[in-house]
């Protein structure tokens, strides 16, 4: 993989991280937390509905990250030239 393609992937990942950080900041602001405050979630204190939503969101985030890694891996995989049979050889 060439250097230009790697730089494009790094820029794309940097943009995605920036987008996620902004979204996280908006969520913290929506619930009334400061940017410096740590976000600790106690699963015991959550209602069953909130717990289900958290699990669904976590599964979706894991799926999206696996998909992003697979896309990145597919783009970075080396492409080999098609193999040609030797002239005069028979395939069995």
PDB file of N, CA and C in Angstrom:
ATOM      1  N   UNK A   1       0.845  -1.161   0.000  1.00  0.00           N
ATOM      2  CA  UNK A   1       0.000   0.000   0.000  1.00  0.00           C
ATOM      3  C   UNK A   1       0.898   1.234   0.000  1.00  0.00           C
ATOM      4  N   UNK A   2       0.523   2.193  -0.770  1.00  0.00           N
ATOM      5  CA  UNK A   2       1.377   3.370  -0.890  1.00  0.00           C
ATOM      6  C   UNK A   2       1.112   4.377   0.225  1.00  0.00           C
ATOM      7  N   UNK A   3       2.024   5.282   0.362  1.00  0.00           N
ATOM      8  CA  UNK A   3       1.984   6.263   1.447  1.00  0.00           C
ATOM      9  C   UNK A   3       0.786   7.202   1.328  1.00  0.00           C
ATOM     10  N   UNK A   4       0.418   7.564   0.117  1.00  0.00           N
ATOM     11  CA  UNK A   4      -0.726   8.457  -0.078  1.00  0.00           C
ATOM     12  C   UNK A   4      -2.013   7.801   0.425  1.00  0.00           C
ATOM     13  N   UNK A   5      -2.177   6.511   0.165  1.00  0.00           N
ATOM     14  CA  UNK A   5      -3.371   5.789   0.606  1.00  0.00           C
ATOM     15  C   UNK A   5      -3.404   5.707   2.133  1.00  0.00           C
ATOM     16  N   UNK A   6      -2.240   5.487   2.758  1.00  0.00           N
ATOM     17  CA  UNK A   6      -2.169   5.450   4.211  1.00  0.00           C
ATOM     18  C   UNK A   6      -2.531   6.807   4.809  1.00  0.00           C
ATOM     19  N   UNK A   7      -2.044   7.876   4.205  1.00  0.00           N
ATOM     20  CA  UNK A   7      -2.374   9.219   4.685  1.00  0.00           C
ATOM     21  C   UNK A   7      -3.861   9.499   4.562  1.00  0.00           C
ATOM     22  N   UNK A   8      -4.487   9.033   3.487  1.00  0.00           N
ATOM     23  CA  UNK A   8      -5.935   9.214   3.325  1.00  0.00           C
ATOM     24  C   UNK A   8      -6.688   8.467   4.417  1.00  0.00           C
ATOM     25  N   UNK A   9      -6.241   7.247   4.724  1.00  0.00           N
ATOM     26  CA  UNK A   9      -6.898   6.474   5.780  1.00  0.00           C
ATOM     27  C   UNK A   9      -6.735   7.140   7.124  1.00  0.00           C
ATOM     28  N   UNK A  10      -5.560   7.676   7.403  1.00  0.00           N
ATOM     29  CA  UNK A  10      -5.316   8.364   8.673  1.00  0.00           C
ATOM     30  C   UNK A  10      -6.202   9.605   8.774  1.00  0.00           C
ATOM     31  N   UNK A  11      -6.310  10.363   7.701  1.00  0.00           N
ATOM     32  CA  UNK A  11      -7.171  11.554   7.704  1.00  0.00           C
ATOM     33  C   UNK A  11      -8.629  11.173   7.919  1.00  0.00           C
ATOM     34  N   UNK A  12      -9.066  10.099   7.286  1.00  0.00           N
ATOM     35  CA  UNK A  12     -10.448   9.650   7.440  1.00  0.00           C
ATOM     36  C   UNK A  12     -10.714   9.232   8.879  1.00  0.00           C
ATOM     37  N   UNK A  13      -9.775   8.507   9.483  1.00  0.00           N
ATOM     38  CA  UNK A  13      -9.927   8.089  10.870  1.00  0.00           C
ATOM     39  C   UNK A  13      -9.872   9.285  11.822  1.00  0.00           C
ATOM     40  N   UNK A  14      -9.015  10.253  11.521  1.00  0.00           N
ATOM     41  CA  UNK A  14      -8.927  11.460  12.349  1.00  0.00           C
ATOM     42  C   UNK A  14     -10.255  12.227  12.299  1.00  0.00           C
ATOM     43  N   UNK A  15     -10.841  12.341  11.116  1.00  0.00           N
ATOM     44  CA  UNK A  15     -12.128  13.030  10.980  1.00  0.00           C
ATOM     45  C   UNK A  15     -13.232  12.293  11.737  1.00  0.00           C
ATOM     46  N   UNK A  16     -13.218  10.965  11.657  1.00  0.00           N
ATOM     47  CA  UNK A  16     -14.226  10.172  12.365  1.00  0.00           C
ATOM     48  C   UNK A  16     -14.069  10.326  13.875  1.00  0.00           C
ATOM     49  N   UNK A  17     -12.842  10.325  14.369  1.00  0.00           N
ATOM     50  CA  UNK A  17     -12.606  10.512  15.802  1.00  0.00           C
ATOM     51  C   UNK A  17     -13.059  11.900  16.251  1.00  0.00           C
ATOM     52  N   UNK A  18     -12.790  12.897  15.450  1.00  0.00           N
ATOM     53  CA  UNK A  18     -13.222  14.251  15.777  1.00  0.00           C
ATOM     54  C   UNK A  18     -14.743  14.340  15.841  1.00  0.00           C
ATOM     55  N   UNK A  19     -15.407  13.688  14.889  1.00  0.00           N
ATOM     56  CA  UNK A  19     -16.876  13.681  14.867  1.00  0.00           C
ATOM     57  C   UNK A  19     -17.424  13.001  16.117  1.00  0.00           C
ATOM     58  N   UNK A  20     -16.837  11.868  16.495  1.00  0.00           N
ATOM     59  CA  UNK A  20     -17.303  11.141  17.672  1.00  0.00           C
ATOM     60  C   UNK A  20     -17.042  11.928  18.956  1.00  0.00           C
ATOM     61  N   UNK A  21     -15.906  12.608  19.025  1.00  0.00           N
ATOM     62  CA  UNK A  21     -15.615  13.424  20.207  1.00  0.00           C
ATOM     63  C   UNK A  21     -16.617  14.569  20.350  1.00  0.00           C
ATOM     64  N   UNK A  22     -16.980  15.195  19.231  1.00  0.00           N
ATOM     65  CA  UNK A  22     -17.985  16.264  19.273  1.00  0.00           C
ATOM     66  C   UNK A  22     -19.337  15.728  19.721  1.00  0.00           C
ATOM     67  N   UNK A  23     -19.696  14.556  19.202  1.00  0.00           N
ATOM     68  CA  UNK A  23     -20.970  13.948  19.575  1.00  0.00           C
ATOM     69  C   UNK A  23     -20.976  13.592  21.065  1.00  0.00           C
ATOM     70  N   UNK A  24     -19.872  13.084  21.569  1.00  0.00           N
ATOM     71  CA  UNK A  24     -19.747  12.755  22.987  1.00  0.00           C
ATOM     72  C   UNK A  24     -19.882  14.016  23.844  1.00  0.00           C
ATOM     73  N   UNK A  25     -19.251  15.094  23.411  1.00  0.00           N
ATOM     74  CA  UNK A  25     -19.352  16.359  24.141  1.00  0.00           C
ATOM     75  C   UNK A  25     -20.791  16.868  24.162  1.00  0.00           C
ATOM     76  N   UNK A  26     -21.499  16.707  23.057  1.00  0.00           N
ATOM     77  CA  UNK A  26     -22.895  17.128  22.999  1.00  0.00           C
ATOM     78  C   UNK A  26     -23.756  16.294  23.947  1.00  0.00           C
ATOM     79  N   UNK A  27     -23.498  14.990  24.010  1.00  0.00           N
ATOM     80  CA  UNK A  27     -24.255  14.130  24.914  1.00  0.00           C
ATOM     81  C   UNK A  27     -24.011  14.509  26.368  1.00  0.00           C
ATOM     82  N   UNK A  28     -22.744  14.796  26.698  1.00  0.00           N
ATOM     83  CA  UNK A  28     -22.434  15.186  28.071  1.00  0.00           C
ATOM     84  C   UNK A  28     -23.116  16.504  28.415  1.00  0.00           C
ATOM     85  N   UNK A  29     -23.135  17.425  27.468  1.00  0.00           N
ATOM     86  CA  UNK A  29     -23.780  18.718  27.696  1.00  0.00           C
ATOM     87  C   UNK A  29     -25.287  18.540  27.862  1.00  0.00           C
ATOM     88  N   UNK A  30     -25.876  17.612  27.093  1.00  0.00           N
ATOM     89  CA  UNK A  30     -27.318  17.396  27.150  1.00  0.00           C
ATOM     90  C   UNK A  30     -27.764  16.859  28.513  1.00  0.00           C
ATOM     91  N   UNK A  31     -26.905  16.080  29.160  1.00  0.00           N
ATOM     92  CA  UNK A  31     -27.280  15.542  30.473  1.00  0.00           C
ATOM     93  C   UNK A  31     -26.785  16.421  31.611  1.00  0.00           C
ATOM     94  N   UNK A  32     -26.159  17.554  31.286  1.00  0.00           N
ATOM     95  CA  UNK A  32     -25.765  18.519  32.292  1.00  0.00           C
ATOM     96  C   UNK A  32     -24.407  18.288  32.924  1.00  0.00           C
ATOM     97  N   UNK A  33     -23.535  17.553  32.281  1.00  0.00           N
ATOM     98  CA  UNK A  33     -22.190  17.336  32.804  1.00  0.00           C
ATOM     99  C   UNK A  33     -21.215  18.308  32.159  1.00  0.00           C
ATOM    100  N   UNK A  34     -20.185  18.670  32.903  1.00  0.00           N
ATOM    101  CA  UNK A  34     -19.141  19.515  32.328  1.00  0.00           C
ATOM    102  C   UNK A  34     -18.222  18.645  31.473  1.00  0.00           C
ATOM    103  N   UNK A  35     -17.446  19.277  30.626  1.00  0.00           N
ATOM    104  CA  UNK A  35     -16.549  18.534  29.735  1.00  0.00           C
ATOM    105  C   UNK A  35     -15.476  17.782  30.513  1.00  0.00           C
ATOM    106  N   UNK A  36     -15.091  18.320  31.697  1.00  0.00           N
ATOM    107  CA  UNK A  36     -14.023  17.717  32.483  1.00  0.00           C
ATOM    108  C   UNK A  36     -14.526  16.579  33.363  1.00  0.00           C
ATOM    109  N   UNK A  37     -15.826  16.501  33.585  1.00  0.00           N
ATOM    110  CA  UNK A  37     -16.390  15.498  34.487  1.00  0.00           C
ATOM    111  C   UNK A  37     -16.258  14.101  33.877  1.00  0.00           C
ATOM    112  N   UNK A  38     -15.876  13.170  34.756  1.00  0.00           N
ATOM    113  CA  UNK A  38     -15.812  11.780  34.305  1.00  0.00           C
ATOM    114  C   UNK A  38     -17.222  11.223  34.220  1.00  0.00           C
ATOM    115  N   UNK A  39     -17.423  10.333  33.280  1.00  0.00           N
ATOM    116  CA  UNK A  39     -18.732   9.729  33.093  1.00  0.00           C
ATOM    117  C   UNK A  39     -18.664   8.295  33.596  1.00  0.00           C
ATOM    118  N   UNK A  40     -19.217   8.067  34.770  1.00  0.00           N
ATOM    119  CA  UNK A  40     -19.255   6.729  35.361  1.00  0.00           C
ATOM    120  C   UNK A  40     -20.677   6.222  35.305  1.00  0.00           C
ATOM    121  N   UNK A  41     -20.838   5.029  34.757  1.00  0.00           N
ATOM    122  CA  UNK A  41     -22.167   4.447  34.617  1.00  0.00           C
ATOM    123  C   UNK A  41     -22.244   3.231  35.525  1.00  0.00           C
ATOM    124  N   UNK A  42     -23.233   3.229  36.400  1.00  0.00           N
ATOM    125  CA  UNK A  42     -23.463   2.109  37.294  1.00  0.00           C
ATOM    126  C   UNK A  42     -24.622   1.295  36.726  1.00  0.00           C
ATOM    127  N   UNK A  43     -24.346   0.088  36.288  1.00  0.00           N
ATOM    128  CA  UNK A  43     -25.369  -0.743  35.657  1.00  0.00           C
ATOM    129  C   UNK A  43     -26.491  -1.099  36.617  1.00  0.00           C
ATOM    130  N   UNK A  44     -26.196  -1.142  37.896  1.00  0.00           N
ATOM    131  CA  UNK A  44     -27.211  -1.511  38.882  1.00  0.00           C
ATOM    132  C   UNK A  44     -28.270  -0.414  39.012  1.00  0.00           C
ATOM    133  N   UNK A  45     -27.852   0.850  38.897  1.00  0.00           N
ATOM    134  CA  UNK A  45     -28.791   1.951  39.096  1.00  0.00           C
ATOM    135  C   UNK A  45     -29.628   2.253  37.848  1.00  0.00           C
ATOM    136  N   UNK A  46     -29.316   1.626  36.724  1.00  0.00           N
ATOM    137  CA  UNK A  46     -30.076   1.873  35.495  1.00  0.00           C
ATOM    138  C   UNK A  46     -31.371   1.063  35.492  1.00  0.00           C
ATOM    139  N   UNK A  47     -32.377   1.646  34.874  1.00  0.00           N
ATOM    140  CA  UNK A  47     -33.622   0.909  34.698  1.00  0.00           C
ATOM    141  C   UNK A  47     -33.414  -0.154  33.620  1.00  0.00           C
ATOM    142  N   UNK A  48     -34.251  -1.184  33.586  1.00  0.00           N
ATOM    143  CA  UNK A  48     -34.086  -2.219  32.560  1.00  0.00           C
ATOM    144  C   UNK A  48     -34.160  -1.662  31.133  1.00  0.00           C
ATOM    145  N   UNK A  49     -35.006  -0.667  30.908  1.00  0.00           N
ATOM    146  CA  UNK A  49     -35.121  -0.092  29.570  1.00  0.00           C
ATOM    147  C   UNK A  49     -33.830   0.609  29.165  1.00  0.00           C
ATOM    148  N   UNK A  50     -33.246   1.367  30.094  1.00  0.00           N
ATOM    149  CA  UNK A  50     -31.989   2.065  29.806  1.00  0.00           C
ATOM    150  C   UNK A  50     -30.863   1.055  29.599  1.00  0.00           C
ATOM    151  N   UNK A  51     -30.852   0.005  30.415  1.00  0.00           N
ATOM    152  CA  UNK A  51     -29.834  -1.034  30.281  1.00  0.00           C
ATOM    153  C   UNK A  51     -29.918  -1.701  28.908  1.00  0.00           C
ATOM    154  N   UNK A  52     -31.125  -1.974  28.436  1.00  0.00           N
ATOM    155  CA  UNK A  52     -31.306  -2.574  27.110  1.00  0.00           C
ATOM    156  C   UNK A  52     -30.831  -1.625  26.014  1.00  0.00           C
ATOM    157  N   UNK A  53     -31.148  -0.332  26.166  1.00  0.00           N
ATOM    158  CA  UNK A  53     -30.695   0.642  25.173  1.00  0.00           C
ATOM    159  C   UNK A  53     -29.172   0.736  25.159  1.00  0.00           C
ATOM    160  N   UNK A  54     -28.539   0.699  26.338  1.00  0.00           N
ATOM    161  CA  UNK A  54     -27.079   0.743  26.417  1.00  0.00           C
ATOM    162  C   UNK A  54     -26.457  -0.473  25.755  1.00  0.00           C
ATOM    163  N   UNK A  55     -27.034  -1.643  25.997  1.00  0.00           N
ATOM    164  CA  UNK A  55     -26.515  -2.854  25.375  1.00  0.00           C
ATOM    165  C   UNK A  55     -26.670  -2.806  23.860  1.00  0.00           C
ATOM    166  N   UNK A  56     -27.820  -2.317  23.396  1.00  0.00           N
ATOM    167  CA  UNK A  56     -28.042  -2.208  21.949  1.00  0.00           C
ATOM    168  C   UNK A  56     -27.062  -1.215  21.327  1.00  0.00           C
ATOM    169  N   UNK A  57     -26.829  -0.098  22.007  1.00  0.00           N
ATOM    170  CA  UNK A  57     -25.886   0.898  21.494  1.00  0.00           C
ATOM    171  C   UNK A  57     -24.467   0.339  21.479  1.00  0.00           C
ATOM    172  N   UNK A  58     -24.109  -0.427  22.503  1.00  0.00           N
ATOM    173  CA  UNK A  58     -22.771  -1.018  22.554  1.00  0.00           C
ATOM    174  C   UNK A  58     -22.590  -2.041  21.436  1.00  0.00           C
ATOM    175  N   UNK A  59     -23.599  -2.875  21.201  1.00  0.00           N
ATOM    176  CA  UNK A  59     -23.518  -3.857  20.112  1.00  0.00           C
ATOM    177  C   UNK A  59     -23.407  -3.164  18.758  1.00  0.00           C
ATOM    178  N   UNK A  60     -24.162  -2.089  18.572  1.00  0.00           N
ATOM    179  CA  UNK A  60     -24.107  -1.333  17.313  1.00  0.00           C
ATOM    180  C   UNK A  60     -22.732  -0.704  17.125  1.00  0.00           C
ATOM    181  N   UNK A  61     -22.158  -0.162  18.197  1.00  0.00           N
ATOM    182  CA  UNK A  61     -20.830   0.444  18.103  1.00  0.00           C
ATOM    183  C   UNK A  61     -19.772  -0.614  17.789  1.00  0.00           C
ATOM    184  N   UNK A  62     -19.879  -1.777  18.408  1.00  0.00           N
ATOM    185  CA  UNK A  62     -18.931  -2.860  18.118  1.00  0.00           C
ATOM    186  C   UNK A  62     -19.057  -3.317  16.661  1.00  0.00           C
ATOM    187  N   UNK A  63     -20.296  -3.447  16.179  1.00  0.00           N
ATOM    188  CA  UNK A  63     -20.510  -3.854  14.794  1.00  0.00           C
ATOM    189  C   UNK A  63     -19.929  -2.825  13.828  1.00  0.00           C
ATOM    190  N   UNK A  64     -20.159  -1.551  14.123  1.00  0.00           N
ATOM    191  CA  UNK A  64     -19.646  -0.496  13.250  1.00  0.00           C
ATOM    192  C   UNK A  64     -18.119  -0.473  13.264  1.00  0.00           C
ATOM    193  N   UNK A  65     -17.521  -0.718  14.417  1.00  0.00           N
ATOM    194  CA  UNK A  65     -16.055  -0.706  14.466  1.00  0.00           C
ATOM    195  C   UNK A  65     -15.479  -1.905  13.733  1.00  0.00           C
ATOM    196  N   UNK A  66     -16.120  -3.068  13.858  1.00  0.00           N
ATOM    197  CA  UNK A  66     -15.640  -4.239  13.105  1.00  0.00           C
ATOM    198  C   UNK A  66     -15.769  -4.004  11.604  1.00  0.00           C
ATOM    199  N   UNK A  67     -16.860  -3.364  11.199  1.00  0.00           N
ATOM    200  CA  UNK A  67     -17.066  -3.066   9.788  1.00  0.00           C
ATOM    201  C   UNK A  67     -16.016  -2.073   9.287  1.00  0.00           C
ATOM    202  N   UNK A  68     -15.701  -1.076  10.086  1.00  0.00           N
ATOM    203  CA  UNK A  68     -14.682  -0.091   9.702  1.00  0.00           C
ATOM    204  C   UNK A  68     -13.318  -0.745   9.579  1.00  0.00           C
ATOM    205  N   UNK A  69     -12.995  -1.641  10.499  1.00  0.00           N
ATOM    206  CA  UNK A  69     -11.714  -2.346  10.433  1.00  0.00           C
ATOM    207  C   UNK A  69     -11.669  -3.246   9.200  1.00  0.00           C
ATOM    208  N   UNK A  70     -12.773  -3.923   8.906  1.00  0.00           N
ATOM    209  CA  UNK A  70     -12.818  -4.790   7.734  1.00  0.00           C
ATOM    210  C   UNK A  70     -12.655  -3.983   6.455  1.00  0.00           C
ATOM    211  N   UNK A  71     -13.283  -2.825   6.386  1.00  0.00           N
ATOM    212  CA  UNK A  71     -13.156  -1.960   5.217  1.00  0.00           C
ATOM    213  C   UNK A  71     -11.724  -1.483   5.066  1.00  0.00           C
ATOM    214  N   UNK A  72     -11.118  -1.078   6.172  1.00  0.00           N
ATOM    215  CA  UNK A  72      -9.740  -0.609   6.145  1.00  0.00           C
ATOM    216  C   UNK A  72      -8.805  -1.744   5.752  1.00  0.00           C
ATOM    217  N   UNK A  73      -9.042  -2.943   6.274  1.00  0.00           N
ATOM    218  CA  UNK A  73      -8.216  -4.098   5.944  1.00  0.00           C
ATOM    219  C   UNK A  73      -8.365  -4.458   4.473  1.00  0.00           C
ATOM    220  N   UNK A  74      -9.591  -4.391   3.957  1.00  0.00           N
ATOM    221  CA  UNK A  74      -9.815  -4.719   2.552  1.00  0.00           C
ATOM    222  C   UNK A  74      -9.120  -3.719   1.636  1.00  0.00           C
ATOM    223  N   UNK A  75      -9.106  -2.447   2.054  1.00  0.00           N
ATOM    224  CA  UNK A  75      -8.458  -1.427   1.237  1.00  0.00           C
ATOM    225  C   UNK A  75      -6.946  -1.537   1.281  1.00  0.00           C
ATOM    226  N   UNK A  76      -6.410  -2.061   2.378  1.00  0.00           N
ATOM    227  CA  UNK A  76      -4.961  -2.112   2.531  1.00  0.00           C
ATOM    228  C   UNK A  76      -4.367  -3.454   2.118  1.00  0.00           C
ATOM    229  N   UNK A  77      -5.214  -4.429   1.799  1.00  0.00           N
ATOM    230  CA  UNK A  77      -4.712  -5.756   1.432  1.00  0.00           C
ATOM    231  C   UNK A  77      -3.955  -5.666   0.108  1.00  0.00           C
ATOM    232  N   UNK A  78      -2.801  -6.320   0.050  1.00  0.00           N
ATOM    233  CA  UNK A  78      -2.051  -6.290  -1.199  1.00  0.00           C
ATOM    234  C   UNK A  78      -2.803  -7.036  -2.300  1.00  0.00           C
ATOM    235  N   UNK A  79      -2.702  -6.524  -3.484  1.00  0.00           N
ATOM    236  CA  UNK A  79      -3.362  -7.141  -4.634  1.00  0.00           C
ATOM    237  C   UNK A  79      -2.306  -7.905  -5.411  1.00  0.00           C
ATOM    238  N   UNK A  80      -2.546  -9.194  -5.557  1.00  0.00           N
ATOM    239  CA  UNK A  80      -1.585  -9.989  -6.303  1.00  0.00           C
ATOM    240  C   UNK A  80      -2.056 -10.124  -7.748  1.00  0.00           C
ATOM    241  N   UNK A  81      -1.103 -10.296  -8.607  1.00  0.00           N
ATOM    242  CA  UNK A  81      -1.425 -10.461 -10.020  1.00  0.00           C
ATOM    243  C   UNK A  81      -2.076 -11.820 -10.220  1.00  0.00           C
ATOM    244  N   UNK A  82      -3.000 -11.923 -11.163  1.00  0.00           N
ATOM    245  CA  UNK A  82      -3.614 -13.223 -11.409  1.00  0.00           C
ATOM    246  C   UNK A  82      -2.559 -14.218 -11.901  1.00  0.00           C
ATOM    247  N   UNK A  83      -2.686 -15.442 -11.424  1.00  0.00           N
ATOM    248  CA  UNK A  83      -1.718 -16.457 -11.805  1.00  0.00           C
ATOM    249  C   UNK A  83      -2.149 -17.096 -13.117  1.00  0.00           C
ATOM    250  N   UNK A  84      -1.186 -17.242 -13.982  1.00  0.00           N
ATOM    251  CA  UNK A  84      -1.446 -17.826 -15.285  1.00  0.00           C
ATOM    252  C   UNK A  84      -0.763 -19.179 -15.354  1.00  0.00           C
ATOM    253  N   UNK A  85      -1.454 -20.127 -15.907  1.00  0.00           N
ATOM    254  CA  UNK A  85      -0.874 -21.450 -16.054  1.00  0.00           C
ATOM    255  C   UNK A  85       0.289 -21.404 -17.031  1.00  0.00           C
ATOM    256  N   UNK A  86       1.237 -22.264 -16.819  1.00  0.00           N
ATOM    257  CA  UNK A  86       2.363 -22.312 -17.736  1.00  0.00           C
ATOM    258  C   UNK A  86       1.881 -22.767 -19.096  1.00  0.00           C
ATOM    259  N   UNK A  87       2.527 -22.279 -20.088  1.00  0.00           N
ATOM    260  CA  UNK A  87       2.135 -22.676 -21.453  1.00  0.00           C
ATOM    261  C   UNK A  87       2.392 -24.163 -21.637  1.00  0.00           C
ATOM    262  N   UNK A  88       1.406 -24.827 -22.181  1.00  0.00           N
ATOM    263  CA  UNK A  88       1.530 -26.251 -22.441  1.00  0.00           C
ATOM    264  C   UNK A  88       1.215 -27.132 -21.253  1.00  0.00           C
ATOM    265  N   UNK A  89       0.903 -26.558 -20.081  1.00  0.00           N
ATOM    266  CA  UNK A  89       0.599 -27.368 -18.903  1.00  0.00           C
ATOM    267  C   UNK A  89      -0.895 -27.638 -18.845  1.00  0.00           C
ATOM    268  N   UNK A  90      -1.275 -28.793 -18.342  1.00  0.00           N
ATOM    269  CA  UNK A  90      -2.679 -29.178 -18.216  1.00  0.00           C
ATOM    270  C   UNK A  90      -3.093 -29.037 -16.760  1.00  0.00           C
ATOM    271  N   UNK A  91      -4.261 -28.495 -16.543  1.00  0.00           N
ATOM    272  CA  UNK A  91      -4.809 -28.419 -15.184  1.00  0.00           C
ATOM    273  C   UNK A  91      -5.534 -29.701 -14.874  1.00  0.00           C
ATOM    274  N   UNK A  92      -5.309 -30.231 -13.697  1.00  0.00           N
ATOM    275  CA  UNK A  92      -5.964 -31.474 -13.326  1.00  0.00           C
ATOM    276  C   UNK A  92      -7.011 -31.185 -12.301  1.00  0.00           C
TER     277      UNK A  92
END
